[in-house]
Amino acid sequence: MSKKFFLLTIAAVSLAALIPASLPAQSIWLDHRHHSTINLEVLIPNFKNDDSGTITSSNSGWVVFPSVRLPLSRKIHFVGELPLASGDYEVRSTSFNINRNQSETAIGNPYIGFEFNAPQTPVFAELGIRLPLASSDKDLSMTTGLLTDFDRLEAFFPKVLTITTMVNVHQIDQSGFAFRLRGGPSLLINTDNEFGDDTELFIGYSAQAGYESERLSFLGGVTGRAIITEPDLNFSERSVHQAGFAASAGIGKLRPGLYLRLPLDENLKDSLDFVLGFNLGIQLQ
C-alpha cells in the first residue's frame, strides 16, 4: 500500500465534499456492560457543501452498523458487525441547465472478533478481523462511510483485510463516575497489491470520561487514528482526531442513545462539520 494508501485517504477527507462519485470493531460510544446485546448504530454526517455560485454541489448520506455481542464463556465474548454505507451526490446549475444526481448503497467489510475479560478488573482486550468484502466499484458509498466514521476506516476500504487488537481500561466507581482508555494497532493487509506494498499499520487510541449507570450515561472524550508505517509524515499529517459526546438511557432491556462527533483536524474539517449518531441496544439476558 505504501504512502499512496494514506495519501488517498487524506485526499478523500479533503475533497469528498467537492468531487463527484467517480473519484475497529464496535463503537466505543456504545454501552458494553451487558454480556449479551444486539446494537444498531445509525450515523448521519453533515458535510460541508458548496451551496453558492453558479454551479452548486452537495454530498449527503448515512452509515449503519448492526452488531451483536454474545458470551461464549465467563471471560470471552463474540462480537460481530456488518457496516453499510449510503451516499448521495448532486450537482446543480440553473444557468447551465445542470441537474445530476447519483445515489449508491453498499456493504463494507464485516467485523468478526472476540473480547477477553479479566474478571474483577476493569481491563478487557479485543481481537478481531475485518473481511475484505467491500465493493471496489462503490466509491461514493465507501468514501461516505470513511468520512462518517474515520475511527473505523477499515470498514470501508475495498480489498483490505484488517487484523485489530485493542486493550481497554473501563472503570466505573460507586458514584457513577466512569472513565475509559482504549488503544491498539490495526494491521491493514492489501489483498490485490493495488498499492504496491503488502501492509500498513495504524494505531487507534481514545479517552473518555463521564457518568454511567443502568438508567443514564453521559460521556465525552477524544478519539484518534495515526498511521505508523510512513516515516516521512509529521504527527499532524499522520493522524486524525475527533471529539465525541454521548448519552444513553436504560429502559427495561432497551438502551436508546445518541452521540455527536466533531472533527478536530483541518483535513477532516474541510469536508465535515459533524456526525450525529443514534443507537439502540437490546439486552438479550
C-alpha atoms as a PDB file:
ATOM      1  CA  MET A   1       0.000   0.000   0.000  1.00  0.00           C
ATOM      2  CA  SER A   2       2.783   2.451   0.937  1.00  0.00           C
ATOM      3  CA  LYS A   3       2.423   6.204   1.195  1.00  0.00           C
ATOM      4  CA  LYS A   4      -0.071   6.316  -1.677  1.00  0.00           C
ATOM      5  CA  PHE A   5      -2.573   4.463   0.541  1.00  0.00           C
ATOM      6  CA  PHE A   6      -2.534   7.138   3.211  1.00  0.00           C
ATOM      7  CA  LEU A   7      -2.488   9.999   0.705  1.00  0.00           C
ATOM      8  CA  LEU A   8      -5.600   8.574  -0.935  1.00  0.00           C
ATOM      9  CA  THR A   9      -7.269   8.637   2.466  1.00  0.00           C
ATOM     10  CA  ILE A  10      -6.295  12.267   3.035  1.00  0.00           C
ATOM     11  CA  ALA A  11      -7.453  13.128  -0.475  1.00  0.00           C
ATOM     12  CA  ALA A  12     -10.850  11.625   0.273  1.00  0.00           C
ATOM     13  CA  VAL A  13     -11.049  13.558   3.533  1.00  0.00           C
ATOM     14  CA  SER A  14     -10.037  16.831   1.901  1.00  0.00           C
ATOM     15  CA  LEU A  15     -12.007  16.638  -1.346  1.00  0.00           C
ATOM     16  CA  ALA A  16     -15.025  14.380  -0.934  1.00  0.00           C
ATOM     17  CA  ALA A  17     -17.409  17.320  -0.500  1.00  0.00           C
ATOM     18  CA  LEU A  18     -16.276  18.809  -3.824  1.00  0.00           C
ATOM     19  CA  ILE A  19     -15.551  15.842  -6.121  1.00  0.00           C
ATOM     20  CA  PRO A  20     -18.228  13.629  -7.709  1.00  0.00           C
ATOM     21  CA  ALA A  21     -18.549   9.941  -7.044  1.00  0.00           C
ATOM     22  CA  SER A  22     -16.253   8.877  -9.838  1.00  0.00           C
ATOM     23  CA  LEU A  23     -13.473   9.592  -7.713  1.00  0.00           C
ATOM     24  CA  PRO A  24     -12.291  -1.496  14.844  1.00  0.00           C
ATOM     25  CA  ALA A  25     -14.958  -3.183  15.993  1.00  0.00           C
ATOM     26  CA  GLN A  26     -17.960  -1.817  17.809  1.00  0.00           C
ATOM     27  CA  SER A  27     -18.073   1.889  18.591  1.00  0.00           C
ATOM     28  CA  ILE A  28     -16.587   2.939  21.922  1.00  0.00           C
ATOM     29  CA  TRP A  29     -19.691   5.096  22.411  1.00  0.00           C
ATOM     30  CA  LEU A  30     -21.897   2.040  22.961  1.00  0.00           C
ATOM     31  CA  ASP A  31     -22.680   0.551  26.352  1.00  0.00           C
ATOM     32  CA  HIS A  32     -20.503  -2.563  26.871  1.00  0.00           C
ATOM     33  CA  ARG A  33     -21.546  -3.605  30.365  1.00  0.00           C
ATOM     34  CA  HIS A  34     -24.121  -6.235  29.409  1.00  0.00           C
ATOM     35  CA  HIS A  35     -22.959  -9.667  28.337  1.00  0.00           C
ATOM     36  CA  SER A  36     -25.453 -10.284  25.548  1.00  0.00           C
ATOM     37  CA  THR A  37     -26.716  -7.450  23.337  1.00  0.00           C
ATOM     38  CA  ILE A  38     -27.817  -6.519  19.843  1.00  0.00           C
ATOM     39  CA  ASN A  39     -26.960  -2.979  18.767  1.00  0.00           C
ATOM     40  CA  LEU A  40     -27.958  -0.786  15.863  1.00  0.00           C
ATOM     41  CA  GLU A  41     -25.982   2.395  15.134  1.00  0.00           C
ATOM     42  CA  VAL A  42     -27.141   4.976  12.585  1.00  0.00           C
ATOM     43  CA  LEU A  43     -24.673   7.754  11.710  1.00  0.00           C
ATOM     44  CA  ILE A  44     -25.670  10.843   9.728  1.00  0.00           C
ATOM     45  CA  PRO A  45     -22.842  13.085   8.510  1.00  0.00           C
ATOM     46  CA  ASN A  46     -23.225  16.799   7.926  1.00  0.00           C
ATOM     47  CA  PHE A  47     -20.825  17.533   5.073  1.00  0.00           C
ATOM     48  CA  LYS A  48     -19.519  20.945   4.085  1.00  0.00           C
ATOM     49  CA  ASN A  49     -21.177  21.591   0.721  1.00  0.00           C
ATOM     50  CA  ASP A  50     -20.751  24.217  -1.966  1.00  0.00           C
ATOM     51  CA  ASP A  51     -24.154  25.922  -1.979  1.00  0.00           C
ATOM     52  CA  SER A  52     -23.118  29.224  -3.577  1.00  0.00           C
ATOM     53  CA  GLY A  53     -22.131  30.288  -7.064  1.00  0.00           C
ATOM     54  CA  THR A  54     -23.415  29.391 -10.497  1.00  0.00           C
ATOM     55  CA  ILE A  55     -22.800  25.661 -10.004  1.00  0.00           C
ATOM     56  CA  THR A  56     -23.644  24.117  -6.625  1.00  0.00           C
ATOM     57  CA  SER A  57     -22.829  20.645  -5.361  1.00  0.00           C
ATOM     58  CA  SER A  58     -23.789  18.687  -2.269  1.00  0.00           C
ATOM     59  CA  ASN A  59     -22.980  15.394  -0.577  1.00  0.00           C
ATOM     60  CA  SER A  60     -25.135  13.546   1.937  1.00  0.00           C
ATOM     61  CA  GLY A  61     -25.582  10.032   3.193  1.00  0.00           C
ATOM     62  CA  TRP A  62     -25.812   7.712   6.155  1.00  0.00           C
ATOM     63  CA  VAL A  63     -23.948   4.772   7.686  1.00  0.00           C
ATOM     64  CA  VAL A  64     -25.462   1.857   9.622  1.00  0.00           C
ATOM     65  CA  PHE A  65     -23.649  -0.616  11.899  1.00  0.00           C
ATOM     66  CA  PRO A  66     -25.772  -3.572  13.101  1.00  0.00           C
ATOM     67  CA  SER A  67     -23.783  -5.585  15.631  1.00  0.00           C
ATOM     68  CA  VAL A  68     -24.112  -8.379  18.162  1.00  0.00           C
ATOM     69  CA  ARG A  69     -22.193  -9.235  21.344  1.00  0.00           C
ATOM     70  CA  LEU A  70     -22.679 -12.728  22.802  1.00  0.00           C
ATOM     71  CA  PRO A  71     -20.992 -14.532  25.717  1.00  0.00           C
ATOM     72  CA  LEU A  72     -19.070 -17.704  24.887  1.00  0.00           C
ATOM     73  CA  SER A  73     -17.825 -18.119  28.437  1.00  0.00           C
ATOM     74  CA  ARG A  74     -17.348 -16.031  31.568  1.00  0.00           C
ATOM     75  CA  LYS A  75     -14.212 -14.490  30.095  1.00  0.00           C
ATOM     76  CA  ILE A  76     -14.836 -14.463  26.331  1.00  0.00           C
ATOM     77  CA  HIS A  77     -17.461 -12.708  24.209  1.00  0.00           C
ATOM     78  CA  PHE A  78     -18.085 -12.971  20.493  1.00  0.00           C
ATOM     79  CA  VAL A  79     -18.574  -9.684  18.595  1.00  0.00           C
ATOM     80  CA  GLY A  80     -19.889  -9.345  15.032  1.00  0.00           C
ATOM     81  CA  GLU A  81     -20.625  -6.245  12.987  1.00  0.00           C
ATOM     82  CA  LEU A  82     -21.818  -5.531   9.426  1.00  0.00           C
ATOM     83  CA  PRO A  83     -21.214  -1.967   8.133  1.00  0.00           C
ATOM     84  CA  LEU A  84     -23.473  -0.444   5.491  1.00  0.00           C
ATOM     85  CA  ALA A  85     -22.929   2.964   3.856  1.00  0.00           C
ATOM     86  CA  SER A  86     -25.098   5.047   1.541  1.00  0.00           C
ATOM     87  CA  GLY A  87     -24.015   8.202  -0.292  1.00  0.00           C
ATOM     88  CA  ASP A  88     -25.761  10.822  -2.413  1.00  0.00           C
ATOM     89  CA  TYR A  89     -24.084  13.377  -4.666  1.00  0.00           C
ATOM     90  CA  GLU A  90     -25.871  16.172  -6.529  1.00  0.00           C
ATOM     91  CA  VAL A  91     -24.602  18.976  -8.757  1.00  0.00           C
ATOM     92  CA  ARG A  92     -26.969  21.713  -9.983  1.00  0.00           C
ATOM     93  CA  SER A  93     -26.861  24.832 -12.130  1.00  0.00           C
ATOM     94  CA  THR A  94     -29.865  26.724 -13.460  1.00  0.00           C
ATOM     95  CA  SER A  95     -27.588  28.848 -15.626  1.00  0.00           C
ATOM     96  CA  PHE A  96     -26.096  25.838 -17.395  1.00  0.00           C
ATOM     97  CA  ASN A  97     -29.157  23.577 -17.114  1.00  0.00           C
ATOM     98  CA  ILE A  98     -27.316  21.009 -14.997  1.00  0.00           C
ATOM     99  CA  ASN A  99     -29.105  18.730 -12.546  1.00  0.00           C
ATOM    100  CA  ARG A 100     -27.239  15.479 -11.931  1.00  0.00           C
ATOM    101  CA  ASN A 101     -27.697  13.138  -9.003  1.00  0.00           C
ATOM    102  CA  GLN A 102     -26.084   9.865  -8.009  1.00  0.00           C
ATOM    103  CA  SER A 103     -27.066   7.589  -5.140  1.00  0.00           C
ATOM    104  CA  GLU A 104     -25.266   4.473  -4.008  1.00  0.00           C
ATOM    105  CA  THR A 105     -25.520   1.970  -1.153  1.00  0.00           C
ATOM    106  CA  ALA A 106     -23.106  -0.857  -0.373  1.00  0.00           C
ATOM    107  CA  ILE A 107     -21.908  -3.079   2.456  1.00  0.00           C
ATOM    108  CA  GLY A 108     -18.440  -2.570   3.922  1.00  0.00           C
ATOM    109  CA  ASN A 109     -16.014  -5.024   5.493  1.00  0.00           C
ATOM    110  CA  PRO A 110     -17.702  -7.136   8.222  1.00  0.00           C
ATOM    111  CA  TYR A 111     -16.023  -7.475  11.616  1.00  0.00           C
ATOM    112  CA  ILE A 112     -15.663 -10.793  13.453  1.00  0.00           C
ATOM    113  CA  GLY A 113     -13.878 -10.761  16.777  1.00  0.00           C
ATOM    114  CA  PHE A 114     -13.678 -11.584  20.464  1.00  0.00           C
ATOM    115  CA  GLU A 115     -13.477  -9.702  23.737  1.00  0.00           C
ATOM    116  CA  PHE A 116     -11.364 -11.202  26.517  1.00  0.00           C
ATOM    117  CA  ASN A 117     -12.307 -10.098  30.029  1.00  0.00           C
ATOM    118  CA  ALA A 118     -10.208 -10.269  33.167  1.00  0.00           C
ATOM    119  CA  PRO A 119     -12.806 -10.886  35.964  1.00  0.00           C
ATOM    120  CA  GLN A 120     -12.734  -8.473  38.899  1.00  0.00           C
ATOM    121  CA  THR A 121     -10.622  -5.994  36.920  1.00  0.00           C
ATOM    122  CA  PRO A 122     -11.538  -3.050  34.655  1.00  0.00           C
ATOM    123  CA  VAL A 123      -9.374  -4.440  31.823  1.00  0.00           C
ATOM    124  CA  PHE A 124     -10.517  -6.222  28.679  1.00  0.00           C
ATOM    125  CA  ALA A 125      -8.936  -6.867  25.289  1.00  0.00           C
ATOM    126  CA  GLU A 126     -10.308  -7.060  21.753  1.00  0.00           C
ATOM    127  CA  LEU A 127      -9.039  -9.201  18.888  1.00  0.00           C
ATOM    128  CA  GLY A 128     -10.728  -9.365  15.510  1.00  0.00           C
ATOM    129  CA  ILE A 129     -10.579  -9.180  11.749  1.00  0.00           C
ATOM    130  CA  ARG A 130     -12.437  -7.319   9.029  1.00  0.00           C
ATOM    131  CA  LEU A 131     -13.066  -9.466   5.984  1.00  0.00           C
ATOM    132  CA  PRO A 132     -12.349  -7.806   2.590  1.00  0.00           C
ATOM    133  CA  LEU A 133     -15.914  -7.874   1.252  1.00  0.00           C
ATOM    134  CA  ALA A 134     -16.444  -4.170   0.479  1.00  0.00           C
ATOM    135  CA  SER A 135     -17.157  -3.464  -3.183  1.00  0.00           C
ATOM    136  CA  SER A 136     -14.292  -1.918  -5.163  1.00  0.00           C
ATOM    137  CA  ASP A 137     -16.662  -0.139  -7.591  1.00  0.00           C
ATOM    138  CA  LYS A 138     -18.759   1.723  -4.973  1.00  0.00           C
ATOM    139  CA  ASP A 139     -16.553   4.794  -4.468  1.00  0.00           C
ATOM    140  CA  LEU A 140     -19.333   7.137  -3.346  1.00  0.00           C
ATOM    141  CA  SER A 141     -20.704   4.906  -0.589  1.00  0.00           C
ATOM    142  CA  MET A 142     -17.235   3.828   0.593  1.00  0.00           C
ATOM    143  CA  THR A 143     -15.997   7.445   0.774  1.00  0.00           C
ATOM    144  CA  THR A 144     -19.165   8.414   2.653  1.00  0.00           C
ATOM    145  CA  GLY A 145     -18.534   5.627   5.169  1.00  0.00           C
ATOM    146  CA  LEU A 146     -14.858   6.503   5.573  1.00  0.00           C
ATOM    147  CA  LEU A 147     -15.550  10.179   6.234  1.00  0.00           C
ATOM    148  CA  THR A 148     -18.507   9.470   8.507  1.00  0.00           C
ATOM    149  CA  ASP A 149     -16.626   7.090  10.835  1.00  0.00           C
ATOM    150  CA  PHE A 150     -12.894   7.640  10.477  1.00  0.00           C
ATOM    151  CA  ASP A 151     -12.368   5.694  13.721  1.00  0.00           C
ATOM    152  CA  ARG A 152     -13.437   2.601  11.761  1.00  0.00           C
ATOM    153  CA  LEU A 153     -11.980   3.494   8.378  1.00  0.00           C
ATOM    154  CA  GLU A 154     -11.021  -0.175   7.818  1.00  0.00           C
ATOM    155  CA  ALA A 155     -14.726  -0.928   7.425  1.00  0.00           C
ATOM    156  CA  PHE A 156     -14.829   0.925   4.105  1.00  0.00           C
ATOM    157  CA  PHE A 157     -11.560   0.143   2.286  1.00  0.00           C
ATOM    158  CA  PRO A 158     -12.124  -2.393  -0.523  1.00  0.00           C
ATOM    159  CA  LYS A 159      -9.719  -5.297  -0.905  1.00  0.00           C
ATOM    160  CA  VAL A 160      -8.147  -4.812   2.508  1.00  0.00           C
ATOM    161  CA  LEU A 161      -8.062  -7.449   5.251  1.00  0.00           C
ATOM    162  CA  THR A 162      -7.674  -5.923   8.724  1.00  0.00           C
ATOM    163  CA  ILE A 163      -6.414  -7.505  11.934  1.00  0.00           C
ATOM    164  CA  THR A 164      -7.113  -5.399  15.032  1.00  0.00           C
ATOM    165  CA  THR A 165      -6.118  -5.736  18.678  1.00  0.00           C
ATOM    166  CA  MET A 166      -7.199  -3.288  21.369  1.00  0.00           C
ATOM    167  CA  VAL A 167      -6.665  -3.038  25.129  1.00  0.00           C
ATOM    168  CA  ASN A 168      -9.321  -1.286  27.221  1.00  0.00           C
ATOM    169  CA  VAL A 169      -9.457   0.040  30.753  1.00  0.00           C
ATOM    170  CA  HIS A 170     -13.082   0.773  31.696  1.00  0.00           C
ATOM    171  CA  GLN A 171     -13.641   1.834  35.305  1.00  0.00           C
ATOM    172  CA  ILE A 172     -16.910   2.900  36.983  1.00  0.00           C
ATOM    173  CA  ASP A 173     -16.820   3.833  40.676  1.00  0.00           C
ATOM    174  CA  GLN A 174     -19.695   3.752  43.169  1.00  0.00           C
ATOM    175  CA  SER A 175     -20.684   7.357  42.444  1.00  0.00           C
ATOM    176  CA  GLY A 176     -21.118   6.554  38.740  1.00  0.00           C
ATOM    177  CA  PHE A 177     -18.007   8.408  37.610  1.00  0.00           C
ATOM    178  CA  ALA A 178     -16.562   6.496  34.675  1.00  0.00           C
ATOM    179  CA  PHE A 179     -13.518   6.655  32.500  1.00  0.00           C
ATOM    180  CA  ARG A 180     -12.320   4.511  29.620  1.00  0.00           C
ATOM    181  CA  LEU A 181      -8.940   4.332  27.918  1.00  0.00           C
ATOM    182  CA  ARG A 182      -8.521   2.329  24.724  1.00  0.00           C
ATOM    183  CA  GLY A 183      -5.653   1.756  22.331  1.00  0.00           C
ATOM    184  CA  GLY A 184      -4.033  -0.690  19.992  1.00  0.00           C
ATOM    185  CA  PRO A 185      -2.841  -1.457  16.457  1.00  0.00           C
ATOM    186  CA  SER A 186      -4.704  -2.255  13.259  1.00  0.00           C
ATOM    187  CA  LEU A 187      -2.802  -4.074  10.520  1.00  0.00           C
ATOM    188  CA  LEU A 188      -4.228  -3.446   7.044  1.00  0.00           C
ATOM    189  CA  ILE A 189      -3.246  -6.133   4.536  1.00  0.00           C
ATOM    190  CA  ASN A 190      -3.744  -5.378   0.861  1.00  0.00           C
ATOM    191  CA  THR A 191      -5.313  -8.359  -0.894  1.00  0.00           C
ATOM    192  CA  ASP A 192      -4.593  -7.434  -4.527  1.00  0.00           C
ATOM    193  CA  ASN A 193      -1.305  -5.448  -4.451  1.00  0.00           C
ATOM    194  CA  GLU A 194      -3.060  -2.411  -5.901  1.00  0.00           C
ATOM    195  CA  PHE A 195      -0.923  -0.025  -3.835  1.00  0.00           C
ATOM    196  CA  GLY A 196       2.401  -1.859  -4.141  1.00  0.00           C
ATOM    197  CA  ASP A 197       3.305  -2.882  -0.583  1.00  0.00           C
ATOM    198  CA  ASP A 198       1.529  -5.535   1.446  1.00  0.00           C
ATOM    199  CA  THR A 199       0.611  -3.852   4.729  1.00  0.00           C
ATOM    200  CA  GLU A 200       0.078  -0.616   6.602  1.00  0.00           C
ATOM    201  CA  LEU A 201      -0.073  -0.227  10.386  1.00  0.00           C
ATOM    202  CA  PHE A 202      -2.435   2.176  12.140  1.00  0.00           C
ATOM    203  CA  ILE A 203      -2.711   2.916  15.857  1.00  0.00           C
ATOM    204  CA  GLY A 204      -6.093   3.781  17.335  1.00  0.00           C
ATOM    205  CA  TYR A 205      -6.468   5.482  20.698  1.00  0.00           C
ATOM    206  CA  SER A 206      -9.175   7.171  22.753  1.00  0.00           C
ATOM    207  CA  ALA A 207     -10.027   8.529  26.178  1.00  0.00           C
ATOM    208  CA  GLN A 208     -13.491   9.097  27.667  1.00  0.00           C
ATOM    209  CA  ALA A 209     -14.892  10.268  30.981  1.00  0.00           C
ATOM    210  CA  GLY A 210     -18.361  10.919  32.373  1.00  0.00           C
ATOM    211  CA  TYR A 211     -21.190   9.308  34.322  1.00  0.00           C
ATOM    212  CA  GLU A 212     -22.540   5.781  33.761  1.00  0.00           C
ATOM    213  CA  SER A 213     -25.355   3.878  35.431  1.00  0.00           C
ATOM    214  CA  GLU A 214     -28.027   1.384  34.441  1.00  0.00           C
ATOM    215  CA  ARG A 215     -30.512   4.225  33.954  1.00  0.00           C
ATOM    216  CA  LEU A 216     -28.411   7.021  32.413  1.00  0.00           C
ATOM    217  CA  SER A 217     -24.991   7.653  30.977  1.00  0.00           C
ATOM    218  CA  PHE A 218     -23.175  10.760  29.745  1.00  0.00           C
ATOM    219  CA  LEU A 219     -19.718  10.579  28.198  1.00  0.00           C
ATOM    220  CA  GLY A 220     -17.277  12.903  26.491  1.00  0.00           C
ATOM    221  CA  GLY A 221     -13.881  12.226  25.023  1.00  0.00           C
ATOM    222  CA  VAL A 222     -11.405  12.243  22.159  1.00  0.00           C
ATOM    223  CA  THR A 223     -10.575   9.564  19.602  1.00  0.00           C
ATOM    224  CA  GLY A 224      -7.597   9.400  17.265  1.00  0.00           C
ATOM    225  CA  ARG A 225      -6.028   7.363  14.464  1.00  0.00           C
ATOM    226  CA  ALA A 226      -2.407   7.536  13.289  1.00  0.00           C
ATOM    227  CA  ILE A 227      -0.530   5.723  10.545  1.00  0.00           C
ATOM    228  CA  ILE A 228       2.781   4.305  11.779  1.00  0.00           C
ATOM    229  CA  THR A 229       4.361   2.767   8.697  1.00  0.00           C
ATOM    230  CA  GLU A 230       5.023   6.035   6.826  1.00  0.00           C
ATOM    231  CA  PRO A 231       8.292   7.633   8.059  1.00  0.00           C
ATOM    232  CA  ASP A 232       8.086  10.918   6.110  1.00  0.00           C
ATOM    233  CA  LEU A 233       4.987  12.365   7.795  1.00  0.00           C
ATOM    234  CA  ASN A 234       4.839  14.600  10.855  1.00  0.00           C
ATOM    235  CA  PHE A 235       2.288  13.923  13.605  1.00  0.00           C
ATOM    236  CA  SER A 236      -0.424  16.198  12.182  1.00  0.00           C
ATOM    237  CA  GLU A 237      -0.054  14.606   8.732  1.00  0.00           C
ATOM    238  CA  ARG A 238      -0.177  11.045  10.029  1.00  0.00           C
ATOM    239  CA  SER A 239      -3.084  11.438  12.500  1.00  0.00           C
ATOM    240  CA  VAL A 240      -6.779  12.377  12.594  1.00  0.00           C
ATOM    241  CA  HIS A 241      -8.669  13.279  15.803  1.00  0.00           C
ATOM    242  CA  GLN A 242     -12.307  13.798  16.763  1.00  0.00           C
ATOM    243  CA  ALA A 243     -14.162  14.928  19.881  1.00  0.00           C
ATOM    244  CA  GLY A 244     -17.235  12.983  20.911  1.00  0.00           C
ATOM    245  CA  PHE A 245     -20.187  13.343  23.281  1.00  0.00           C
ATOM    246  CA  ALA A 246     -22.707  10.601  24.030  1.00  0.00           C
ATOM    247  CA  ALA A 247     -25.791   9.988  26.155  1.00  0.00           C
ATOM    248  CA  SER A 248     -27.977   6.918  26.631  1.00  0.00           C
ATOM    249  CA  ALA A 249     -30.830   5.756  28.840  1.00  0.00           C
ATOM    250  CA  GLY A 250     -31.802   2.309  30.113  1.00  0.00           C
ATOM    251  CA  ILE A 251     -35.495   1.484  29.558  1.00  0.00           C
ATOM    252  CA  GLY A 252     -36.022  -2.105  30.582  1.00  0.00           C
ATOM    253  CA  LYS A 253     -33.995  -4.216  28.185  1.00  0.00           C
ATOM    254  CA  LEU A 254     -33.707  -1.336  25.709  1.00  0.00           C
ATOM    255  CA  ARG A 255     -30.974   1.298  25.724  1.00  0.00           C
ATOM    256  CA  PRO A 256     -31.502   4.098  23.199  1.00  0.00           C
ATOM    257  CA  GLY A 257     -28.806   6.729  22.865  1.00  0.00           C
ATOM    258  CA  LEU A 258     -27.347   9.445  20.722  1.00  0.00           C
ATOM    259  CA  TYR A 259     -23.925  10.945  20.200  1.00  0.00           C
ATOM    260  CA  LEU A 260     -22.189  13.767  18.418  1.00  0.00           C
ATOM    261  CA  ARG A 261     -18.723  13.701  16.868  1.00  0.00           C
ATOM    262  CA  LEU A 262     -16.764  16.809  15.862  1.00  0.00           C
ATOM    263  CA  PRO A 263     -13.608  16.786  13.702  1.00  0.00           C
ATOM    264  CA  LEU A 264     -10.549  18.386  15.315  1.00  0.00           C
ATOM    265  CA  ASP A 265      -8.100  18.341  12.388  1.00  0.00           C
ATOM    266  CA  GLU A 266      -8.224  20.670   9.387  1.00  0.00           C
ATOM    267  CA  ASN A 267      -8.179  17.856   6.812  1.00  0.00           C
ATOM    268  CA  LEU A 268     -11.405  16.448   8.198  1.00  0.00           C
ATOM    269  CA  LYS A 269     -12.911  19.867   8.997  1.00  0.00           C
ATOM    270  CA  ASP A 270     -12.582  20.853   5.351  1.00  0.00           C
ATOM    271  CA  SER A 271     -15.131  18.195   4.408  1.00  0.00           C
ATOM    272  CA  LEU A 272     -17.198  17.559   7.527  1.00  0.00           C
ATOM    273  CA  ASP A 273     -18.972  19.750  10.080  1.00  0.00           C
ATOM    274  CA  PHE A 274     -20.145  16.991  12.426  1.00  0.00           C
ATOM    275  CA  VAL A 275     -21.628  13.494  12.628  1.00  0.00           C
ATOM    276  CA  LEU A 276     -24.837  12.802  14.524  1.00  0.00           C
ATOM    277  CA  GLY A 277     -25.356   9.251  15.709  1.00  0.00           C
ATOM    278  CA  PHE A 278     -28.321   7.294  17.054  1.00  0.00           C
ATOM    279  CA  ASN A 279     -28.070   3.858  18.600  1.00  0.00           C
ATOM    280  CA  LEU A 280     -30.370   1.272  20.119  1.00  0.00           C
ATOM    281  CA  GLY A 281     -29.110  -1.549  22.295  1.00  0.00           C
ATOM    282  CA  ILE A 282     -31.275  -4.583  23.125  1.00  0.00           C
ATOM    283  CA  GLN A 283     -30.205  -6.631  26.119  1.00  0.00           C
ATOM    284  CA  LEU A 284     -30.745 -10.345  25.460  1.00  0.00           C
ATOM    285  CA  GLN A 285     -30.065 -11.534  29.030  1.00  0.00           C
END
